[in-house]
Amino acid sequence: MIEPSLALYGELFDQVEQHLDELLAATGVRYCLLVDRKGFVLSHKEALWAPRPPALDSIATLVASNAAATGALANMLGESTFSEQIHQGEKGGLYVESVGDSALLTLIFDASVPLGKVKVYAKKTIVAISGLLQTIQDAPPVAFDQNFSVSASALLDDLLG
């Protein structure tokens, strides 16, 4: 089974959510999503006035797939990466930018929202969230020794009989 590459929880999750709230308020976008490179929604926020959101899991999967394809194009053209993607339609747009190597900030907005404003505030948010995500990557991996396995088995035996 495929699992998210990052796990946001506790205080770290709250801090990411706060940054997304601030981005939402500063820009006027409809939806903010933090998506991992495998296509999982790590966190999301929506404006109070926004209509019911589209299927966010589907958007996350497509955004991650598009980022992977764009990365392959960048490599073919001699670039290490293309860090941002912009899709603009008649009614709205989609802005996606890399947050380090592990995540993508995805913003969905109406055509009335200036793209320049979205980009400026997104870049500030990315700096803040990148620092938070770095703490996850710098954390030592959790290692379970033989004693943990024995203790867990004994506990389950006691609980389940």
C-alpha atoms as a PDB file:
ATOM      1  CA  MET A   1       0.000   0.000   0.000  1.00  0.00           C
ATOM      2  CA  ILE A   2       1.292   3.441  -0.884  1.00  0.00           C
ATOM      3  CA  GLU A   3       1.606   5.796   2.068  1.00  0.00           C
ATOM      4  CA  PRO A   4       2.284   9.535   2.280  1.00  0.00           C
ATOM      5  CA  SER A   5       5.954  10.441   2.276  1.00  0.00           C
ATOM      6  CA  LEU A   6       5.400  12.891   5.148  1.00  0.00           C
ATOM      7  CA  ALA A   7       3.319  12.736   8.299  1.00  0.00           C
ATOM      8  CA  LEU A   8       2.155  16.045   9.727  1.00  0.00           C
ATOM      9  CA  TYR A   9       0.699  15.904  13.218  1.00  0.00           C
ATOM     10  CA  GLY A  10       0.582  17.799  16.483  1.00  0.00           C
ATOM     11  CA  GLU A  11       2.218  21.187  16.721  1.00  0.00           C
ATOM     12  CA  LEU A  12       3.852  20.879  13.314  1.00  0.00           C
ATOM     13  CA  PHE A  13       0.478  20.266  11.661  1.00  0.00           C
ATOM     14  CA  ASP A  14      -1.001  23.257  13.513  1.00  0.00           C
ATOM     15  CA  GLN A  15       1.845  25.496  12.331  1.00  0.00           C
ATOM     16  CA  VAL A  16       1.388  24.419   8.706  1.00  0.00           C
ATOM     17  CA  GLU A  17      -2.351  25.040   8.996  1.00  0.00           C
ATOM     18  CA  GLN A  18      -1.684  28.523  10.414  1.00  0.00           C
ATOM     19  CA  HIS A  19       0.558  29.386   7.453  1.00  0.00           C
ATOM     20  CA  LEU A  20      -2.097  28.164   5.022  1.00  0.00           C
ATOM     21  CA  ASP A  21      -4.751  30.237   6.833  1.00  0.00           C
ATOM     22  CA  GLU A  22      -2.555  33.335   6.549  1.00  0.00           C
ATOM     23  CA  LEU A  23      -1.937  32.658   2.857  1.00  0.00           C
ATOM     24  CA  LEU A  24      -5.643  32.213   2.243  1.00  0.00           C
ATOM     25  CA  ALA A  25      -6.455  35.512   3.981  1.00  0.00           C
ATOM     26  CA  ALA A  26      -3.667  37.480   2.278  1.00  0.00           C
ATOM     27  CA  THR A  27      -4.373  36.350  -1.280  1.00  0.00           C
ATOM     28  CA  GLY A  28      -8.085  35.676  -1.612  1.00  0.00           C
ATOM     29  CA  VAL A  29      -7.582  32.245  -3.155  1.00  0.00           C
ATOM     30  CA  ARG A  30     -10.339  29.650  -2.807  1.00  0.00           C
ATOM     31  CA  TYR A  31      -8.301  26.634  -1.735  1.00  0.00           C
ATOM     32  CA  CYS A  32      -4.777  25.990  -0.412  1.00  0.00           C
ATOM     33  CA  LEU A  33      -3.392  22.467  -0.400  1.00  0.00           C
ATOM     34  CA  LEU A  34      -0.103  21.051   0.739  1.00  0.00           C
ATOM     35  CA  VAL A  35       0.417  17.884  -1.280  1.00  0.00           C
ATOM     36  CA  ASP A  36       3.238  15.377  -1.045  1.00  0.00           C
ATOM     37  CA  ARG A  37       5.002  14.154  -4.186  1.00  0.00           C
ATOM     38  CA  LYS A  38       3.065  10.881  -4.080  1.00  0.00           C
ATOM     39  CA  GLY A  39      -0.249  12.731  -4.418  1.00  0.00           C
ATOM     40  CA  PHE A  40      -1.533  12.736  -0.831  1.00  0.00           C
ATOM     41  CA  VAL A  41      -3.160  15.807   0.720  1.00  0.00           C
ATOM     42  CA  LEU A  42      -1.081  16.643   3.798  1.00  0.00           C
ATOM     43  CA  SER A  43      -3.098  19.724   4.747  1.00  0.00           C
ATOM     44  CA  HIS A  44      -5.713  21.945   3.162  1.00  0.00           C
ATOM     45  CA  LYS A  45      -7.680  25.084   3.811  1.00  0.00           C
ATOM     46  CA  GLU A  46     -10.585  26.688   2.006  1.00  0.00           C
ATOM     47  CA  ALA A  47     -12.039  30.158   2.058  1.00  0.00           C
ATOM     48  CA  LEU A  48     -15.328  30.484   3.947  1.00  0.00           C
ATOM     49  CA  TRP A  49     -16.990  31.926   0.857  1.00  0.00           C
ATOM     50  CA  ALA A  50     -15.683  29.250  -1.511  1.00  0.00           C
ATOM     51  CA  PRO A  51     -18.155  26.802  -3.015  1.00  0.00           C
ATOM     52  CA  ARG A  52     -17.911  23.135  -2.168  1.00  0.00           C
ATOM     53  CA  PRO A  53     -14.404  22.061  -3.158  1.00  0.00           C
ATOM     54  CA  PRO A  54     -13.743  19.619  -5.950  1.00  0.00           C
ATOM     55  CA  ALA A  55     -12.401  16.187  -4.996  1.00  0.00           C
ATOM     56  CA  LEU A  56      -9.182  17.235  -3.258  1.00  0.00           C
ATOM     57  CA  ASP A  57      -7.688  13.741  -3.333  1.00  0.00           C
ATOM     58  CA  SER A  58      -8.088  13.653  -7.100  1.00  0.00           C
ATOM     59  CA  ILE A  59      -6.586  17.124  -7.463  1.00  0.00           C
ATOM     60  CA  ALA A  60      -3.628  16.112  -5.270  1.00  0.00           C
ATOM     61  CA  THR A  61      -2.971  12.994  -7.350  1.00  0.00           C
ATOM     62  CA  LEU A  62      -3.142  14.932 -10.618  1.00  0.00           C
ATOM     63  CA  VAL A  63      -0.955  17.756  -9.282  1.00  0.00           C
ATOM     64  CA  ALA A  64       1.714  15.287  -8.137  1.00  0.00           C
ATOM     65  CA  SER A  65       1.571  13.445 -11.471  1.00  0.00           C
ATOM     66  CA  ASN A  66       1.830  16.712 -13.369  1.00  0.00           C
ATOM     67  CA  ALA A  67       4.798  17.767 -11.216  1.00  0.00           C
ATOM     68  CA  ALA A  68       6.536  14.475 -11.981  1.00  0.00           C
ATOM     69  CA  ALA A  69       5.923  14.937 -15.717  1.00  0.00           C
ATOM     70  CA  THR A  70       7.125  18.533 -15.540  1.00  0.00           C
ATOM     71  CA  GLY A  71      10.254  17.357 -13.720  1.00  0.00           C
ATOM     72  CA  ALA A  72      10.951  14.879 -16.517  1.00  0.00           C
ATOM     73  CA  LEU A  73      10.529  17.671 -19.070  1.00  0.00           C
ATOM     74  CA  ALA A  74      12.928  19.874 -17.107  1.00  0.00           C
ATOM     75  CA  ASN A  75      15.545  17.120 -17.125  1.00  0.00           C
ATOM     76  CA  MET A  76      15.138  16.603 -20.866  1.00  0.00           C
ATOM     77  CA  LEU A  77      15.728  20.318 -21.372  1.00  0.00           C
ATOM     78  CA  GLY A  78      18.826  20.399 -19.186  1.00  0.00           C
ATOM     79  CA  GLU A  79      17.185  21.955 -16.132  1.00  0.00           C
ATOM     80  CA  SER A  80      17.362  20.426 -12.668  1.00  0.00           C
ATOM     81  CA  THR A  81      13.716  21.326 -12.080  1.00  0.00           C
ATOM     82  CA  PHE A  82      10.891  23.668 -12.935  1.00  0.00           C
ATOM     83  CA  SER A  83       9.834  24.827  -9.484  1.00  0.00           C
ATOM     84  CA  GLU A  84       6.430  26.274 -10.356  1.00  0.00           C
ATOM     85  CA  GLN A  85       3.471  25.545 -12.593  1.00  0.00           C
ATOM     86  CA  ILE A  86       0.705  27.909 -13.573  1.00  0.00           C
ATOM     87  CA  HIS A  87      -2.555  26.921 -15.245  1.00  0.00           C
ATOM     88  CA  GLN A  88      -4.941  29.726 -16.141  1.00  0.00           C
ATOM     89  CA  GLY A  89      -8.439  29.395 -17.526  1.00  0.00           C
ATOM     90  CA  GLU A  90     -11.310  31.772 -18.157  1.00  0.00           C
ATOM     91  CA  LYS A  91     -12.800  31.429 -14.678  1.00  0.00           C
ATOM     92  CA  GLY A  92      -9.775  30.711 -12.553  1.00  0.00           C
ATOM     93  CA  GLY A  93      -6.324  29.343 -12.139  1.00  0.00           C
ATOM     94  CA  LEU A  94      -4.113  26.836 -10.447  1.00  0.00           C
ATOM     95  CA  TYR A  95      -0.683  27.668  -9.057  1.00  0.00           C
ATOM     96  CA  VAL A  96       1.670  24.901  -7.921  1.00  0.00           C
ATOM     97  CA  GLU A  97       5.129  25.435  -6.467  1.00  0.00           C
ATOM     98  CA  SER A  98       7.628  23.049  -4.925  1.00  0.00           C
ATOM     99  CA  VAL A  99       8.125  23.105  -1.171  1.00  0.00           C
ATOM    100  CA  GLY A 100      11.564  21.580  -0.982  1.00  0.00           C
ATOM    101  CA  ASP A 101      11.904  18.107  -2.426  1.00  0.00           C
ATOM    102  CA  SER A 102       8.969  16.592  -0.596  1.00  0.00           C
ATOM    103  CA  ALA A 103       5.827  18.667  -1.113  1.00  0.00           C
ATOM    104  CA  LEU A 104       3.878  20.939  -3.434  1.00  0.00           C
ATOM    105  CA  LEU A 105       1.905  24.019  -2.453  1.00  0.00           C
ATOM    106  CA  THR A 106      -1.227  24.120  -4.582  1.00  0.00           C
ATOM    107  CA  LEU A 107      -3.488  27.161  -4.798  1.00  0.00           C
ATOM    108  CA  ILE A 108      -6.807  27.320  -6.636  1.00  0.00           C
ATOM    109  CA  PHE A 109      -8.154  30.795  -7.296  1.00  0.00           C
ATOM    110  CA  ASP A 110     -10.660  32.861  -9.273  1.00  0.00           C
ATOM    111  CA  ALA A 111      -9.641  34.852 -12.349  1.00  0.00           C
ATOM    112  CA  SER A 112     -10.186  38.057 -10.332  1.00  0.00           C
ATOM    113  CA  VAL A 113      -7.241  37.232  -8.029  1.00  0.00           C
ATOM    114  CA  PRO A 114      -3.978  38.755  -9.322  1.00  0.00           C
ATOM    115  CA  LEU A 115      -1.419  36.047 -10.128  1.00  0.00           C
ATOM    116  CA  GLY A 116       1.437  38.277  -8.951  1.00  0.00           C
ATOM    117  CA  LYS A 117      -0.119  38.555  -5.508  1.00  0.00           C
ATOM    118  CA  VAL A 118      -0.579  34.793  -5.362  1.00  0.00           C
ATOM    119  CA  LYS A 119       3.071  34.200  -6.280  1.00  0.00           C
ATOM    120  CA  VAL A 120       4.498  36.724  -3.797  1.00  0.00           C
ATOM    121  CA  TYR A 121       2.565  35.371  -0.823  1.00  0.00           C
ATOM    122  CA  ALA A 122       3.058  31.749  -1.897  1.00  0.00           C
ATOM    123  CA  LYS A 123       6.832  32.218  -1.917  1.00  0.00           C
ATOM    124  CA  LYS A 124       6.737  33.627   1.635  1.00  0.00           C
ATOM    125  CA  THR A 125       4.623  30.720   2.794  1.00  0.00           C
ATOM    126  CA  ILE A 126       6.916  28.212   1.091  1.00  0.00           C
ATOM    127  CA  VAL A 127       9.928  29.558   2.986  1.00  0.00           C
ATOM    128  CA  ALA A 128       8.081  29.129   6.283  1.00  0.00           C
ATOM    129  CA  ILE A 129       6.683  25.673   5.517  1.00  0.00           C
ATOM    130  CA  SER A 130      10.002  24.450   4.094  1.00  0.00           C
ATOM    131  CA  GLY A 131      11.638  25.161   7.444  1.00  0.00           C
ATOM    132  CA  LEU A 132       8.933  23.202   9.239  1.00  0.00           C
ATOM    133  CA  LEU A 133       9.193  20.234   6.877  1.00  0.00           C
ATOM    134  CA  GLN A 134      12.960  20.213   7.296  1.00  0.00           C
ATOM    135  CA  THR A 135      12.486  19.424  10.988  1.00  0.00           C
ATOM    136  CA  ILE A 136      10.658  16.235   9.985  1.00  0.00           C
ATOM    137  CA  GLN A 137      13.424  15.203   7.616  1.00  0.00           C
ATOM    138  CA  ASP A 138      16.113  15.949  10.218  1.00  0.00           C
ATOM    139  CA  ALA A 139      14.404  13.859  12.889  1.00  0.00           C
ATOM    140  CA  PRO A 140      16.019  10.482  13.548  1.00  0.00           C
ATOM    141  CA  PRO A 141      14.024   7.514  12.274  1.00  0.00           C
ATOM    142  CA  VAL A 142      11.968   5.614  14.783  1.00  0.00           C
ATOM    143  CA  ALA A 143      13.604   2.280  15.486  1.00  0.00           C
ATOM    144  CA  PHE A 144      11.852  -0.573  17.243  1.00  0.00           C
ATOM    145  CA  ASP A 145      14.055  -3.113  18.934  1.00  0.00           C
ATOM    146  CA  GLN A 146      13.315  -6.726  19.823  1.00  0.00           C
ATOM    147  CA  ASN A 147      12.023  -5.725  23.285  1.00  0.00           C
ATOM    148  CA  PHE A 148       9.317  -3.587  21.706  1.00  0.00           C
ATOM    149  CA  SER A 149       8.130  -6.493  19.574  1.00  0.00           C
ATOM    150  CA  VAL A 150       8.000  -8.853  22.558  1.00  0.00           C
ATOM    151  CA  SER A 151       6.211  -6.260  24.724  1.00  0.00           C
ATOM    152  CA  ALA A 152       3.683  -5.466  21.989  1.00  0.00           C
ATOM    153  CA  SER A 153       2.946  -9.168  21.425  1.00  0.00           C
ATOM    154  CA  ALA A 154       2.459  -9.718  25.156  1.00  0.00           C
ATOM    155  CA  LEU A 155       0.132  -6.739  25.397  1.00  0.00           C
ATOM    156  CA  LEU A 156      -1.943  -7.958  22.464  1.00  0.00           C
ATOM    157  CA  ASP A 157      -2.107 -11.441  23.954  1.00  0.00           C
ATOM    158  CA  ASP A 158      -3.393  -9.959  27.237  1.00  0.00           C
ATOM    159  CA  LEU A 159      -5.976  -7.819  25.446  1.00  0.00           C
ATOM    160  CA  LEU A 160      -7.231 -10.439  23.015  1.00  0.00           C
ATOM    161  CA  GLY A 161      -6.828 -13.481  25.215  1.00  0.00           C
END
